[in-house]
Amino acid sequence: MSIYTPTNCPPAEEIDIPAMHAKYLRERDRRIKKEANDQYISASGKWADIYEVDPYTPIAPREPITGETDVVILGAGYCGMMVAAQLKKAGIDNFYNVDHGGNFGGTWYW
């Protein structure tokens, strides 16, 4: 017996994927702030070192990733990896896991 019930969605062939994608691009464009990363502040105070530094993995400097993606998964812990696995099963390969830590693993990593 399953505790999960299927989402009440129309059959896949009835969904206008290009129209849905265009809608989400329009909504994304409405929300992108011109100031981009300038809107954020760095952690400071006595906890800054704990928050800003992964104690197990040194930061590897790299150039920013640019370009289009279908999905951004915030977090590379257990749930983030499960979302990635489900996306792969669904045939979606153009996604990124974004995490503050230097590696995958979440709770057991820290």
PDB file of N, CA and C in Angstrom:
ATOM      1  N   MET A   1       0.830  -1.172   0.000  1.00  0.00           N
ATOM      2  CA  MET A   1       0.000   0.000   0.000  1.00  0.00           C
ATOM      3  C   MET A   1       0.884   1.247   0.000  1.00  0.00           C
ATOM      4  N   SER A   2       0.575   2.197  -0.859  1.00  0.00           N
ATOM      5  CA  SER A   2       1.357   3.415  -0.970  1.00  0.00           C
ATOM      6  C   SER A   2       0.664   4.567  -0.251  1.00  0.00           C
ATOM      7  N   ILE A   3       1.462   5.422   0.371  1.00  0.00           N
ATOM      8  CA  ILE A   3       0.892   6.614   1.002  1.00  0.00           C
ATOM      9  C   ILE A   3       0.816   7.770   0.009  1.00  0.00           C
ATOM     10  N   TYR A   4       1.359   7.576  -1.166  1.00  0.00           N
ATOM     11  CA  TYR A   4       1.391   8.625  -2.173  1.00  0.00           C
ATOM     12  C   TYR A   4       0.232   8.461  -3.139  1.00  0.00           C
ATOM     13  N   THR A   5      -0.307   9.574  -3.556  1.00  0.00           N
ATOM     14  CA  THR A   5      -1.347   9.543  -4.584  1.00  0.00           C
ATOM     15  C   THR A   5      -0.845  10.337  -5.776  1.00  0.00           C
ATOM     16  N   PRO A   6      -1.191   9.914  -6.971  1.00  0.00           N
ATOM     17  CA  PRO A   6      -0.710  10.621  -8.155  1.00  0.00           C
ATOM     18  C   PRO A   6      -1.237  12.058  -8.200  1.00  0.00           C
ATOM     19  N   THR A   7      -0.426  12.938  -8.741  1.00  0.00           N
ATOM     20  CA  THR A   7      -0.857  14.316  -8.951  1.00  0.00           C
ATOM     21  C   THR A   7      -1.920  14.325 -10.033  1.00  0.00           C
ATOM     22  N   ASN A   8      -2.922  15.132  -9.855  1.00  0.00           N
ATOM     23  CA  ASN A   8      -4.006  15.215 -10.826  1.00  0.00           C
ATOM     24  C   ASN A   8      -3.566  16.088 -12.000  1.00  0.00           C
ATOM     25  N   CYS A   9      -2.875  15.504 -12.944  1.00  0.00           N
ATOM     26  CA  CYS A   9      -2.368  16.212 -14.123  1.00  0.00           C
ATOM     27  C   CYS A   9      -3.019  15.637 -15.374  1.00  0.00           C
ATOM     28  N   PRO A  10      -3.112  16.460 -16.416  1.00  0.00           N
ATOM     29  CA  PRO A  10      -3.600  15.910 -17.680  1.00  0.00           C
ATOM     30  C   PRO A  10      -2.553  14.961 -18.259  1.00  0.00           C
ATOM     31  N   PRO A  11      -2.943  14.115 -19.191  1.00  0.00           N
ATOM     32  CA  PRO A  11      -1.967  13.240 -19.848  1.00  0.00           C
ATOM     33  C   PRO A  11      -0.870  14.077 -20.513  1.00  0.00           C
ATOM     34  N   ALA A  12       0.331  13.535 -20.553  1.00  0.00           N
ATOM     35  CA  ALA A  12       1.478  14.273 -21.085  1.00  0.00           C
ATOM     36  C   ALA A  12       1.231  14.803 -22.487  1.00  0.00           C
ATOM     37  N   GLU A  13       0.542  14.025 -23.314  1.00  0.00           N
ATOM     38  CA  GLU A  13       0.325  14.467 -24.696  1.00  0.00           C
ATOM     39  C   GLU A  13      -0.614  15.675 -24.788  1.00  0.00           C
ATOM     40  N   GLU A  14      -1.331  15.979 -23.711  1.00  0.00           N
ATOM     41  CA  GLU A  14      -2.225  17.140 -23.706  1.00  0.00           C
ATOM     42  C   GLU A  14      -1.548  18.406 -23.177  1.00  0.00           C
ATOM     43  N   ILE A  15      -0.348  18.284 -22.662  1.00  0.00           N
ATOM     44  CA  ILE A  15       0.353  19.440 -22.100  1.00  0.00           C
ATOM     45  C   ILE A  15       1.156  20.113 -23.205  1.00  0.00           C
ATOM     46  N   ASP A  16       0.963  21.405 -23.367  1.00  0.00           N
ATOM     47  CA  ASP A  16       1.695  22.188 -24.365  1.00  0.00           C
ATOM     48  C   ASP A  16       3.019  22.627 -23.730  1.00  0.00           C
ATOM     49  N   ILE A  17       4.028  21.772 -23.841  1.00  0.00           N
ATOM     50  CA  ILE A  17       5.318  22.015 -23.196  1.00  0.00           C
ATOM     51  C   ILE A  17       5.960  23.317 -23.681  1.00  0.00           C
ATOM     52  N   PRO A  18       6.015  23.592 -25.005  1.00  0.00           N
ATOM     53  CA  PRO A  18       6.615  24.867 -25.432  1.00  0.00           C
ATOM     54  C   PRO A  18       5.904  26.089 -24.836  1.00  0.00           C
ATOM     55  N   ALA A  19       4.580  26.059 -24.758  1.00  0.00           N
ATOM     56  CA  ALA A  19       3.844  27.187 -24.174  1.00  0.00           C
ATOM     57  C   ALA A  19       4.152  27.317 -22.682  1.00  0.00           C
ATOM     58  N   MET A  20       4.232  26.175 -21.986  1.00  0.00           N
ATOM     59  CA  MET A  20       4.548  26.208 -20.557  1.00  0.00           C
ATOM     60  C   MET A  20       5.961  26.747 -20.341  1.00  0.00           C
ATOM     61  N   HIS A  21       6.893  26.305 -21.169  1.00  0.00           N
ATOM     62  CA  HIS A  21       8.274  26.772 -21.056  1.00  0.00           C
ATOM     63  C   HIS A  21       8.343  28.275 -21.294  1.00  0.00           C
ATOM     64  N   ALA A  22       7.635  28.764 -22.318  1.00  0.00           N
ATOM     65  CA  ALA A  22       7.610  30.202 -22.614  1.00  0.00           C
ATOM     66  C   ALA A  22       7.022  30.986 -21.441  1.00  0.00           C
ATOM     67  N   LYS A  23       5.986  30.452 -20.831  1.00  0.00           N
ATOM     68  CA  LYS A  23       5.366  31.114 -19.673  1.00  0.00           C
ATOM     69  C   LYS A  23       6.368  31.250 -18.533  1.00  0.00           C
ATOM     70  N   TYR A  24       7.094  30.175 -18.229  1.00  0.00           N
ATOM     71  CA  TYR A  24       8.044  30.224 -17.133  1.00  0.00           C
ATOM     72  C   TYR A  24       9.224  31.138 -17.452  1.00  0.00           C
ATOM     73  N   LEU A  25       9.638  31.213 -18.725  1.00  0.00           N
ATOM     74  CA  LEU A  25      10.696  32.158 -19.093  1.00  0.00           C
ATOM     75  C   LEU A  25      10.228  33.592 -18.887  1.00  0.00           C
ATOM     76  N   ARG A  26       8.976  33.893 -19.259  1.00  0.00           N
ATOM     77  CA  ARG A  26       8.430  35.241 -19.038  1.00  0.00           C
ATOM     78  C   ARG A  26       8.392  35.567 -17.547  1.00  0.00           C
ATOM     79  N   GLU A  27       7.951  34.618 -16.742  1.00  0.00           N
ATOM     80  CA  GLU A  27       7.887  34.850 -15.298  1.00  0.00           C
ATOM     81  C   GLU A  27       9.284  35.033 -14.708  1.00  0.00           C
ATOM     82  N   ARG A  28      10.228  34.239 -15.170  1.00  0.00           N
ATOM     83  CA  ARG A  28      11.612  34.382 -14.694  1.00  0.00           C
ATOM     84  C   ARG A  28      12.147  35.760 -15.030  1.00  0.00           C
ATOM     85  N   ASP A  29      11.926  36.197 -16.277  1.00  0.00           N
ATOM     86  CA  ASP A  29      12.422  37.498 -16.713  1.00  0.00           C
ATOM     87  C   ASP A  29      11.813  38.637 -15.899  1.00  0.00           C
ATOM     88  N   ARG A  30      10.578  38.481 -15.457  1.00  0.00           N
ATOM     89  CA  ARG A  30       9.942  39.507 -14.627  1.00  0.00           C
ATOM     90  C   ARG A  30      10.614  39.618 -13.267  1.00  0.00           C
ATOM     91  N   ARG A  31      11.220  38.542 -12.793  1.00  0.00           N
ATOM     92  CA  ARG A  31      11.747  38.509 -11.433  1.00  0.00           C
ATOM     93  C   ARG A  31      13.257  38.722 -11.330  1.00  0.00           C
ATOM     94  N   ILE A  32      13.962  38.650 -12.441  1.00  0.00           N
ATOM     95  CA  ILE A  32      15.414  38.836 -12.388  1.00  0.00           C
ATOM     96  C   ILE A  32      15.711  40.287 -12.037  1.00  0.00           C
ATOM     97  N   LYS A  33      16.492  40.483 -11.011  1.00  0.00           N
ATOM     98  CA  LYS A  33      16.832  41.837 -10.578  1.00  0.00           C
ATOM     99  C   LYS A  33      18.064  42.317 -11.325  1.00  0.00           C
ATOM    100  N   LYS A  34      18.014  43.569 -11.724  1.00  0.00           N
ATOM    101  CA  LYS A  34      19.134  44.141 -12.471  1.00  0.00           C
ATOM    102  C   LYS A  34      20.422  44.158 -11.645  1.00  0.00           C
ATOM    103  N   GLU A  35      20.280  44.315 -10.331  1.00  0.00           N
ATOM    104  CA  GLU A  35      21.473  44.394  -9.492  1.00  0.00           C
ATOM    105  C   GLU A  35      22.096  43.025  -9.215  1.00  0.00           C
ATOM    106  N   ALA A  36      21.435  41.958  -9.632  1.00  0.00           N
ATOM    107  CA  ALA A  36      21.955  40.584  -9.534  1.00  0.00           C
ATOM    108  C   ALA A  36      22.599  40.314  -8.180  1.00  0.00           C
ATOM    109  N   ASN A  37      23.855  39.950  -8.174  1.00  0.00           N
ATOM    110  CA  ASN A  37      24.518  39.545  -6.933  1.00  0.00           C
ATOM    111  C   ASN A  37      24.744  40.691  -5.955  1.00  0.00           C
ATOM    112  N   ASP A  38      24.617  41.945  -6.414  1.00  0.00           N
ATOM    113  CA  ASP A  38      24.793  43.078  -5.505  1.00  0.00           C
ATOM    114  C   ASP A  38      23.714  43.118  -4.427  1.00  0.00           C
ATOM    115  N   GLN A  39      22.628  42.381  -4.612  1.00  0.00           N
ATOM    116  CA  GLN A  39      21.542  42.389  -3.630  1.00  0.00           C
ATOM    117  C   GLN A  39      21.864  41.550  -2.389  1.00  0.00           C
ATOM    118  N   TYR A  40      22.931  40.770  -2.432  1.00  0.00           N
ATOM    119  CA  TYR A  40      23.267  39.885  -1.322  1.00  0.00           C
ATOM    120  C   TYR A  40      24.398  40.471  -0.482  1.00  0.00           C
ATOM    121  N   ILE A  41      24.446  40.099   0.776  1.00  0.00           N
ATOM    122  CA  ILE A  41      25.537  40.513   1.650  1.00  0.00           C
ATOM    123  C   ILE A  41      26.239  39.258   2.168  1.00  0.00           C
ATOM    124  N   SER A  42      27.478  39.427   2.564  1.00  0.00           N
ATOM    125  CA  SER A  42      28.239  38.303   3.110  1.00  0.00           C
ATOM    126  C   SER A  42      27.930  38.140   4.589  1.00  0.00           C
ATOM    127  N   ALA A  43      28.073  36.918   5.059  1.00  0.00           N
ATOM    128  CA  ALA A  43      27.915  36.664   6.490  1.00  0.00           C
ATOM    129  C   ALA A  43      29.063  37.334   7.230  1.00  0.00           C
ATOM    130  N   SER A  44      28.770  37.843   8.417  1.00  0.00           N
ATOM    131  CA  SER A  44      29.828  38.479   9.203  1.00  0.00           C
ATOM    132  C   SER A  44      29.584  38.177  10.679  1.00  0.00           C
ATOM    133  N   GLY A  45      30.520  38.580  11.503  1.00  0.00           N
ATOM    134  CA  GLY A  45      30.377  38.339  12.931  1.00  0.00           C
ATOM    135  C   GLY A  45      31.081  37.060  13.347  1.00  0.00           C
ATOM    136  N   LYS A  46      30.762  36.606  14.558  1.00  0.00           N
ATOM    137  CA  LYS A  46      31.500  35.470  15.114  1.00  0.00           C
ATOM    138  C   LYS A  46      31.241  34.158  14.385  1.00  0.00           C
ATOM    139  N   TRP A  47      30.139  34.034  13.645  1.00  0.00           N
ATOM    140  CA  TRP A  47      29.817  32.788  12.950  1.00  0.00           C
ATOM    141  C   TRP A  47      30.242  32.802  11.480  1.00  0.00           C
ATOM    142  N   ALA A  48      30.828  33.891  11.015  1.00  0.00           N
ATOM    143  CA  ALA A  48      31.161  34.012   9.592  1.00  0.00           C
ATOM    144  C   ALA A  48      32.075  32.885   9.119  1.00  0.00           C
ATOM    145  N   ASP A  49      33.105  32.574   9.897  1.00  0.00           N
ATOM    146  CA  ASP A  49      34.042  31.526   9.474  1.00  0.00           C
ATOM    147  C   ASP A  49      33.356  30.172   9.355  1.00  0.00           C
ATOM    148  N   ILE A  50      32.446  29.889  10.254  1.00  0.00           N
ATOM    149  CA  ILE A  50      31.747  28.607  10.213  1.00  0.00           C
ATOM    150  C   ILE A  50      30.840  28.528   8.994  1.00  0.00           C
ATOM    151  N   TYR A  51      30.169  29.619   8.687  1.00  0.00           N
ATOM    152  CA  TYR A  51      29.227  29.612   7.567  1.00  0.00           C
ATOM    153  C   TYR A  51      29.935  29.663   6.219  1.00  0.00           C
ATOM    154  N   GLU A  52      30.980  30.460   6.117  1.00  0.00           N
ATOM    155  CA  GLU A  52      31.612  30.718   4.827  1.00  0.00           C
ATOM    156  C   GLU A  52      32.609  29.648   4.401  1.00  0.00           C
ATOM    157  N   VAL A  53      33.074  28.831   5.313  1.00  0.00           N
ATOM    158  CA  VAL A  53      34.150  27.894   4.993  1.00  0.00           C
ATOM    159  C   VAL A  53      33.670  26.459   5.190  1.00  0.00           C
ATOM    160  N   ASP A  54      33.890  25.646   4.173  1.00  0.00           N
ATOM    161  CA  ASP A  54      33.635  24.209   4.292  1.00  0.00           C
ATOM    162  C   ASP A  54      34.865  23.616   4.982  1.00  0.00           C
ATOM    163  N   PRO A  55      34.727  23.061   6.184  1.00  0.00           N
ATOM    164  CA  PRO A  55      35.898  22.586   6.909  1.00  0.00           C
ATOM    165  C   PRO A  55      36.548  21.341   6.309  1.00  0.00           C
ATOM    166  N   TYR A  56      35.895  20.692   5.366  1.00  0.00           N
ATOM    167  CA  TYR A  56      36.407  19.436   4.830  1.00  0.00           C
ATOM    168  C   TYR A  56      36.946  19.532   3.409  1.00  0.00           C
ATOM    169  N   THR A  57      36.548  20.562   2.684  1.00  0.00           N
ATOM    170  CA  THR A  57      36.954  20.682   1.285  1.00  0.00           C
ATOM    171  C   THR A  57      37.377  22.113   1.000  1.00  0.00           C
ATOM    172  N   PRO A  58      38.631  22.321   0.592  1.00  0.00           N
ATOM    173  CA  PRO A  58      39.030  23.685   0.250  1.00  0.00           C
ATOM    174  C   PRO A  58      38.261  24.172  -0.983  1.00  0.00           C
ATOM    175  N   ILE A  59      38.015  25.468  -1.026  1.00  0.00           N
ATOM    176  CA  ILE A  59      37.306  26.047  -2.166  1.00  0.00           C
ATOM    177  C   ILE A  59      38.205  25.964  -3.393  1.00  0.00           C
ATOM    178  N   ALA A  60      37.665  25.462  -4.476  1.00  0.00           N
ATOM    179  CA  ALA A  60      38.388  25.378  -5.742  1.00  0.00           C
ATOM    180  C   ALA A  60      37.903  26.526  -6.623  1.00  0.00           C
ATOM    181  N   PRO A  61      38.708  27.583  -6.778  1.00  0.00           N
ATOM    182  CA  PRO A  61      38.269  28.716  -7.598  1.00  0.00           C
ATOM    183  C   PRO A  61      37.965  28.265  -9.028  1.00  0.00           C
ATOM    184  N   ARG A  62      36.925  28.831  -9.593  1.00  0.00           N
ATOM    185  CA  ARG A  62      36.552  28.523 -10.971  1.00  0.00           C
ATOM    186  C   ARG A  62      35.767  29.692 -11.531  1.00  0.00           C
ATOM    187  N   GLU A  63      35.641  29.704 -12.831  1.00  0.00           N
ATOM    188  CA  GLU A  63      34.832  30.720 -13.497  1.00  0.00           C
ATOM    189  C   GLU A  63      33.353  30.410 -13.272  1.00  0.00           C
ATOM    190  N   PRO A  64      32.505  31.439 -13.298  1.00  0.00           N
ATOM    191  CA  PRO A  64      31.064  31.182 -13.159  1.00  0.00           C
ATOM    192  C   PRO A  64      30.540  30.329 -14.309  1.00  0.00           C
ATOM    193  N   ILE A  65      29.522  29.559 -14.020  1.00  0.00           N
ATOM    194  CA  ILE A  65      28.840  28.789 -15.055  1.00  0.00           C
ATOM    195  C   ILE A  65      27.805  29.706 -15.687  1.00  0.00           C
ATOM    196  N   THR A  66      27.845  29.815 -16.989  1.00  0.00           N
ATOM    197  CA  THR A  66      26.879  30.665 -17.690  1.00  0.00           C
ATOM    198  C   THR A  66      26.109  29.813 -18.682  1.00  0.00           C
ATOM    199  N   GLY A  67      24.995  30.317 -19.130  1.00  0.00           N
ATOM    200  CA  GLY A  67      24.200  29.594 -20.109  1.00  0.00           C
ATOM    201  C   GLY A  67      22.834  29.250 -19.566  1.00  0.00           C
ATOM    202  N   GLU A  68      22.071  28.588 -20.380  1.00  0.00           N
ATOM    203  CA  GLU A  68      20.706  28.209 -20.029  1.00  0.00           C
ATOM    204  C   GLU A  68      20.691  26.827 -19.389  1.00  0.00           C
ATOM    205  N   THR A  69      19.778  26.630 -18.471  1.00  0.00           N
ATOM    206  CA  THR A  69      19.552  25.322 -17.870  1.00  0.00           C
ATOM    207  C   THR A  69      18.052  25.139 -17.684  1.00  0.00           C
ATOM    208  N   ASP A  70      17.628  23.912 -17.612  1.00  0.00           N
ATOM    209  CA  ASP A  70      16.203  23.645 -17.413  1.00  0.00           C
ATOM    210  C   ASP A  70      15.810  23.721 -15.947  1.00  0.00           C
ATOM    211  N   VAL A  71      16.710  23.257 -15.060  1.00  0.00           N
ATOM    212  CA  VAL A  71      16.385  23.183 -13.630  1.00  0.00           C
ATOM    213  C   VAL A  71      17.627  23.527 -12.816  1.00  0.00           C
ATOM    214  N   VAL A  72      17.435  24.285 -11.744  1.00  0.00           N
ATOM    215  CA  VAL A  72      18.480  24.508 -10.751  1.00  0.00           C
ATOM    216  C   VAL A  72      17.971  23.919  -9.440  1.00  0.00           C
ATOM    217  N   ILE A  73      18.720  22.973  -8.899  1.00  0.00           N
ATOM    218  CA  ILE A  73      18.362  22.332  -7.632  1.00  0.00           C
ATOM    219  C   ILE A  73      19.190  23.003  -6.546  1.00  0.00           C
ATOM    220  N   LEU A  74      18.518  23.629  -5.587  1.00  0.00           N
ATOM    221  CA  LEU A  74      19.221  24.290  -4.498  1.00  0.00           C
ATOM    222  C   LEU A  74      19.485  23.274  -3.403  1.00  0.00           C
ATOM    223  N   GLY A  75      20.736  22.854  -3.329  1.00  0.00           N
ATOM    224  CA  GLY A  75      21.133  21.864  -2.336  1.00  0.00           C
ATOM    225  C   GLY A  75      21.621  20.589  -2.991  1.00  0.00           C
ATOM    226  N   ALA A  76      22.666  20.023  -2.398  1.00  0.00           N
ATOM    227  CA  ALA A  76      23.221  18.772  -2.905  1.00  0.00           C
ATOM    228  C   ALA A  76      23.265  17.734  -1.795  1.00  0.00           C
ATOM    229  N   GLY A  77      22.359  17.881  -0.851  1.00  0.00           N
ATOM    230  CA  GLY A  77      22.197  16.883   0.199  1.00  0.00           C
ATOM    231  C   GLY A  77      21.300  15.766  -0.294  1.00  0.00           C
ATOM    232  N   TYR A  78      20.748  15.025   0.637  1.00  0.00           N
ATOM    233  CA  TYR A  78      19.919  13.869   0.287  1.00  0.00           C
ATOM    234  C   TYR A  78      18.772  14.255  -0.647  1.00  0.00           C
ATOM    235  N   CYS A  79      18.012  15.269  -0.274  1.00  0.00           N
ATOM    236  CA  CYS A  79      16.853  15.653  -1.103  1.00  0.00           C
ATOM    237  C   CYS A  79      17.285  16.181  -2.462  1.00  0.00           C
ATOM    238  N   GLY A  80      18.340  16.988  -2.494  1.00  0.00           N
ATOM    239  CA  GLY A  80      18.824  17.501  -3.772  1.00  0.00           C
ATOM    240  C   GLY A  80      19.263  16.388  -4.705  1.00  0.00           C
ATOM    241  N   MET A  81      19.912  15.369  -4.146  1.00  0.00           N
ATOM    242  CA  MET A  81      20.336  14.241  -4.977  1.00  0.00           C
ATOM    243  C   MET A  81      19.143  13.408  -5.433  1.00  0.00           C
ATOM    244  N   MET A  82      18.129  13.295  -4.581  1.00  0.00           N
ATOM    245  CA  MET A  82      16.922  12.551  -4.975  1.00  0.00           C
ATOM    246  C   MET A  82      16.185  13.274  -6.106  1.00  0.00           C
ATOM    247  N   VAL A  83      16.121  14.599  -6.023  1.00  0.00           N
ATOM    248  CA  VAL A  83      15.500  15.371  -7.105  1.00  0.00           C
ATOM    249  C   VAL A  83      16.282  15.154  -8.396  1.00  0.00           C
ATOM    250  N   ALA A  84      17.606  15.199  -8.317  1.00  0.00           N
ATOM    251  CA  ALA A  84      18.434  14.978  -9.506  1.00  0.00           C
ATOM    252  C   ALA A  84      18.182  13.593 -10.098  1.00  0.00           C
ATOM    253  N   ALA A  85      18.080  12.587  -9.247  1.00  0.00           N
ATOM    254  CA  ALA A  85      17.825  11.223  -9.735  1.00  0.00           C
ATOM    255  C   ALA A  85      16.474  11.139 -10.440  1.00  0.00           C
ATOM    256  N   GLN A  86      15.462  11.794  -9.878  1.00  0.00           N
ATOM    257  CA  GLN A  86      14.135  11.765 -10.504  1.00  0.00           C
ATOM    258  C   GLN A  86      14.133  12.523 -11.830  1.00  0.00           C
ATOM    259  N   LEU A  87      14.880  13.622 -11.902  1.00  0.00           N
ATOM    260  CA  LEU A  87      14.984  14.344 -13.174  1.00  0.00           C
ATOM    261  C   LEU A  87      15.638  13.467 -14.238  1.00  0.00           C
ATOM    262  N   LYS A  88      16.708  12.761 -13.856  1.00  0.00           N
ATOM    263  CA  LYS A  88      17.370  11.856 -14.802  1.00  0.00           C
ATOM    264  C   LYS A  88      16.406  10.781 -15.285  1.00  0.00           C
ATOM    265  N   LYS A  89      15.627  10.214 -14.355  1.00  0.00           N
ATOM    266  CA  LYS A  89      14.645   9.193 -14.736  1.00  0.00           C
ATOM    267  C   LYS A  89      13.621   9.750 -15.716  1.00  0.00           C
ATOM    268  N   ALA A  90      13.299  11.038 -15.555  1.00  0.00           N
ATOM    269  CA  ALA A  90      12.310  11.681 -16.426  1.00  0.00           C
ATOM    270  C   ALA A  90      12.920  12.143 -17.746  1.00  0.00           C
ATOM    271  N   GLY A  91      14.226  11.904 -17.926  1.00  0.00           N
ATOM    272  CA  GLY A  91      14.877  12.274 -19.180  1.00  0.00           C
ATOM    273  C   GLY A  91      15.367  13.710 -19.220  1.00  0.00           C
ATOM    274  N   ILE A  92      15.429  14.373 -18.073  1.00  0.00           N
ATOM    275  CA  ILE A  92      15.911  15.755 -18.009  1.00  0.00           C
ATOM    276  C   ILE A  92      17.364  15.719 -17.555  1.00  0.00           C
ATOM    277  N   ASP A  93      18.259  16.155 -18.442  1.00  0.00           N
ATOM    278  CA  ASP A  93      19.688  16.099 -18.154  1.00  0.00           C
ATOM    279  C   ASP A  93      20.317  17.470 -17.945  1.00  0.00           C
ATOM    280  N   ASN A  94      19.610  18.538 -18.302  1.00  0.00           N
ATOM    281  CA  ASN A  94      20.177  19.880 -18.257  1.00  0.00           C
ATOM    282  C   ASN A  94      19.814  20.543 -16.926  1.00  0.00           C
ATOM    283  N   PHE A  95      20.526  20.138 -15.845  1.00  0.00           N
ATOM    284  CA  PHE A  95      20.260  20.713 -14.529  1.00  0.00           C
ATOM    285  C   PHE A  95      21.556  20.837 -13.748  1.00  0.00           C
ATOM    286  N   TYR A  96      21.517  21.683 -12.727  1.00  0.00           N
ATOM    287  CA  TYR A  96      22.647  21.875 -11.827  1.00  0.00           C
ATOM    288  C   TYR A  96      22.181  21.720 -10.388  1.00  0.00           C
ATOM    289  N   ASN A  97      23.015  21.094  -9.562  1.00  0.00           N
ATOM    290  CA  ASN A  97      22.839  21.133  -8.108  1.00  0.00           C
ATOM    291  C   ASN A  97      23.748  22.252  -7.604  1.00  0.00           C
ATOM    292  N   VAL A  98      23.193  23.175  -6.849  1.00  0.00           N
ATOM    293  CA  VAL A  98      23.970  24.277  -6.287  1.00  0.00           C
ATOM    294  C   VAL A  98      23.979  24.111  -4.771  1.00  0.00           C
ATOM    295  N   ASP A  99      25.177  24.066  -4.197  1.00  0.00           N
ATOM    296  CA  ASP A  99      25.286  23.873  -2.755  1.00  0.00           C
ATOM    297  C   ASP A  99      26.465  24.671  -2.229  1.00  0.00           C
ATOM    298  N   HIS A 100      26.342  25.133  -1.008  1.00  0.00           N
ATOM    299  CA  HIS A 100      27.414  25.901  -0.380  1.00  0.00           C
ATOM    300  C   HIS A 100      28.593  25.008   0.000  1.00  0.00           C
ATOM    301  N   GLY A 101      28.335  23.768   0.286  1.00  0.00           N
ATOM    302  CA  GLY A 101      29.397  22.839   0.657  1.00  0.00           C
ATOM    303  C   GLY A 101      30.276  22.492  -0.538  1.00  0.00           C
ATOM    304  N   GLY A 102      31.428  21.933  -0.257  1.00  0.00           N
ATOM    305  CA  GLY A 102      32.373  21.602  -1.305  1.00  0.00           C
ATOM    306  C   GLY A 102      32.133  20.255  -1.959  1.00  0.00           C
ATOM    307  N   ASN A 103      31.101  19.527  -1.519  1.00  0.00           N
ATOM    308  CA  ASN A 103      30.857  18.207  -2.070  1.00  0.00           C
ATOM    309  C   ASN A 103      29.392  17.844  -1.854  1.00  0.00           C
ATOM    310  N   PHE A 104      28.989  16.726  -2.396  1.00  0.00           N
ATOM    311  CA  PHE A 104      27.628  16.228  -2.210  1.00  0.00           C
ATOM    312  C   PHE A 104      27.534  15.481  -0.886  1.00  0.00           C
ATOM    313  N   GLY A 105      26.354  15.418  -0.323  1.00  0.00           N
ATOM    314  CA  GLY A 105      26.171  14.580   0.847  1.00  0.00           C
ATOM    315  C   GLY A 105      25.308  15.146   1.947  1.00  0.00           C
ATOM    316  N   GLY A 106      25.217  16.455   2.045  1.00  0.00           N
ATOM    317  CA  GLY A 106      24.316  17.048   3.030  1.00  0.00           C
ATOM    318  C   GLY A 106      24.642  16.673   4.456  1.00  0.00           C
ATOM    319  N   THR A 107      23.657  16.175   5.185  1.00  0.00           N
ATOM    320  CA  THR A 107      23.757  15.937   6.623  1.00  0.00           C
ATOM    321  C   THR A 107      24.944  15.060   6.996  1.00  0.00           C
ATOM    322  N   TRP A 108      25.123  13.961   6.312  1.00  0.00           N
ATOM    323  CA  TRP A 108      26.221  13.066   6.689  1.00  0.00           C
ATOM    324  C   TRP A 108      27.570  13.604   6.232  1.00  0.00           C
ATOM    325  N   TYR A 109      27.563  14.555   5.301  1.00  0.00           N
ATOM    326  CA  TYR A 109      28.817  15.150   4.836  1.00  0.00           C
ATOM    327  C   TYR A 109      29.388  16.063   5.909  1.00  0.00           C
ATOM    328  N   TRP A 110      28.541  16.886   6.518  1.00  0.00           N
ATOM    329  CA  TRP A 110      28.996  17.844   7.517  1.00  0.00           C
ATOM    330  C   TRP A 110      29.234  17.130   8.825  1.00  0.00           C
TER     331      TRP A 110
END
